[in-house]
Amino acid sequence: MLMVHYMFGANLVQGGGYDETEIFMWRGCPSRMEVFEVDVTGRRLVGQSGVGDGQAAFVGAAHTVMVSTKKFPKIAANSVYLNYYMRQRGHFGAYHFEDRKATQPRAPKGRSRRLYPCACHWELEDYLVVCDV
């Protein structure tokens, strides 16, 4: 079991005790993404370098879905995608652990502003982003 932890705010750089190379700026706000393996029997969290080379995590309000990027190559590997709600609040679209960079949310080209599938063309990423608002 993995735990994804996203933090943002000035406290990350003001005595937060975090390695500055692991902090990225998003719209002028210091941000950090962490992944831990949950060792239930050992009752501890073990730091990981990402979600996995062949995986991507779609983080929602109530749950997270892991997707194989080998089966769905349009989705970036070893990345965390934020849900629609977080994107609308000014957060990034996806964070890529390989280069430690966040990307803009995809433009709603041809999409309705409603949060359910429409007659327009959606990608798998679009459905997974809106599935848990």
Protein backbone atom coordinates (compact mmCIF):
# COMPACT_ATOMS: atom_id res chain seq x y z
CA MET A 1 0.00 0.00 0.00
CA LEU A 2 1.29 3.46 -0.91
CA MET A 3 0.51 6.81 0.67
CA VAL A 4 0.80 9.97 -1.47
CA HIS A 5 1.37 13.17 0.49
CA TYR A 6 1.14 16.59 -1.18
CA MET A 7 2.20 19.69 0.77
CA PHE A 8 2.29 23.34 -0.22
CA GLY A 9 2.95 26.63 1.52
CA ALA A 10 5.70 28.90 2.77
CA ASN A 11 6.39 26.65 5.79
CA LEU A 12 8.19 24.21 3.48
CA VAL A 13 11.07 26.64 2.99
CA GLN A 14 10.89 28.52 6.29
CA GLY A 15 12.50 26.02 8.62
CA GLY A 16 10.49 23.06 7.33
CA GLY A 17 13.53 20.80 7.40
CA TYR A 18 13.01 19.55 3.83
CA ASP A 19 15.68 19.04 1.20
CA GLU A 20 15.36 22.09 -1.07
CA THR A 21 15.98 19.97 -4.18
CA GLU A 22 12.70 18.14 -3.46
CA ILE A 23 10.67 21.36 -3.30
CA PHE A 24 9.21 22.76 -6.49
CA MET A 25 7.52 26.09 -7.09
CA TRP A 26 4.02 26.18 -8.51
CA ARG A 27 2.58 29.62 -9.22
CA GLY A 28 4.92 31.15 -6.66
CA CYS A 29 4.05 28.66 -3.92
CA PRO A 30 6.58 26.12 -2.58
CA SER A 31 5.22 22.59 -3.03
CA ARG A 32 6.38 19.04 -2.29
CA MET A 33 5.13 15.60 -3.28
CA GLU A 34 6.05 12.52 -1.23
CA VAL A 35 5.27 8.83 -1.57
CA PHE A 36 5.55 6.32 1.25
CA GLU A 37 5.10 2.58 1.37
CA VAL A 38 2.93 1.73 4.36
CA ASP A 39 4.51 -1.07 6.38
CA VAL A 40 1.46 -2.15 8.36
CA THR A 41 3.15 -4.89 10.37
CA GLY A 42 6.17 -2.70 11.19
CA ARG A 43 3.89 0.30 11.87
CA ARG A 44 6.04 2.67 9.85
CA LEU A 45 6.24 4.63 6.61
CA VAL A 46 9.08 3.91 4.19
CA GLY A 47 9.98 6.73 1.80
CA GLN A 48 9.83 5.95 -1.92
CA SER A 49 11.25 7.77 -4.94
CA GLY A 50 7.86 7.86 -6.68
CA VAL A 51 4.82 5.72 -7.45
CA GLY A 52 6.70 3.37 -9.79
CA ASP A 53 8.13 3.35 -13.29
CA GLY A 54 5.13 1.62 -14.82
CA GLN A 55 2.46 3.36 -12.72
CA ALA A 56 0.61 6.64 -12.35
CA ALA A 57 -1.58 7.67 -9.42
CA PHE A 58 -4.81 9.66 -9.82
CA VAL A 59 -5.44 11.28 -6.43
CA GLY A 60 -9.05 12.07 -5.62
CA ALA A 61 -10.84 13.47 -2.61
CA ALA A 62 -11.78 10.06 -1.22
CA HIS A 63 -9.59 7.55 -3.02
CA THR A 64 -6.64 7.08 -5.37
CA VAL A 65 -6.53 4.95 -8.50
CA MET A 66 -3.27 3.45 -9.76
CA VAL A 67 -3.03 2.96 -13.53
CA SER A 68 -0.53 0.91 -15.52
CA THR A 69 1.29 3.23 -17.90
CA LYS A 70 2.41 0.21 -19.90
CA LYS A 71 -1.21 -0.50 -20.81
CA PHE A 72 -2.05 3.20 -21.21
CA PRO A 73 1.10 4.83 -22.66
CA LYS A 74 -0.47 8.31 -23.04
CA ILE A 75 -0.38 8.61 -19.24
CA ALA A 76 3.02 9.67 -17.85
CA ALA A 77 4.82 7.02 -15.79
CA ASN A 78 5.91 7.64 -12.20
CA SER A 79 3.51 10.58 -11.93
CA VAL A 80 0.73 11.83 -9.68
CA TYR A 81 -2.33 13.46 -11.22
CA LEU A 82 -4.54 15.70 -9.07
CA ASN A 83 -8.31 15.59 -9.27
CA TYR A 84 -10.56 18.21 -10.87
CA TYR A 85 -11.28 20.01 -7.59
CA MET A 86 -7.59 20.57 -6.78
CA ARG A 87 -6.90 21.72 -10.33
CA GLN A 88 -9.72 24.27 -10.10
CA ARG A 89 -8.18 25.63 -6.88
CA GLY A 90 -5.02 26.63 -8.72
CA HIS A 91 -2.95 23.49 -8.22
CA PHE A 92 -1.02 21.71 -10.95
CA GLY A 93 -2.32 18.97 -13.23
CA ALA A 94 0.39 16.33 -12.72
CA TYR A 95 3.68 15.94 -10.88
CA HIS A 96 6.43 13.85 -12.51
CA PHE A 97 8.95 12.30 -10.13
CA GLU A 98 11.59 11.70 -12.84
CA ASP A 99 12.28 15.39 -13.46
CA ARG A 100 10.55 16.74 -10.31
CA LYS A 101 8.34 19.05 -12.33
CA ALA A 102 4.66 19.87 -12.24
CA THR A 103 2.62 20.45 -15.38
CA GLN A 104 -0.36 22.64 -16.14
CA PRO A 105 -3.78 21.00 -16.13
CA ARG A 106 -4.81 20.13 -19.65
CA ALA A 107 -6.94 22.74 -21.36
CA PRO A 108 -10.63 21.80 -21.50
CA LYS A 109 -10.52 21.84 -25.32
CA GLY A 110 -13.93 20.87 -26.60
CA ARG A 111 -15.13 19.78 -23.16
CA SER A 112 -18.18 20.84 -21.29
CA ARG A 113 -17.66 22.51 -17.92
CA ARG A 114 -19.90 19.84 -16.42
CA LEU A 115 -18.22 17.09 -14.43
CA TYR A 116 -19.59 14.14 -16.31
CA PRO A 117 -18.75 12.64 -19.67
CA CYS A 118 -20.12 14.52 -22.63
CA ALA A 119 -20.40 13.75 -26.33
CA CYS A 120 -16.98 15.30 -26.92
CA HIS A 121 -13.77 13.27 -27.05
CA TRP A 122 -12.23 12.61 -23.63
CA GLU A 123 -9.00 10.81 -22.86
CA LEU A 124 -8.67 8.25 -20.04
CA GLU A 125 -6.88 10.90 -17.98
CA ASP A 126 -9.97 13.15 -18.20
CA TYR A 127 -12.29 10.47 -16.84
CA LEU A 128 -9.94 9.58 -13.99
CA VAL A 129 -9.47 13.23 -12.99
CA VAL A 130 -13.22 13.87 -12.65
CA CYS A 131 -14.22 10.49 -11.17
CA ASP A 132 -13.67 11.63 -7.58
CA VAL A 133 -14.42 15.29 -7.02
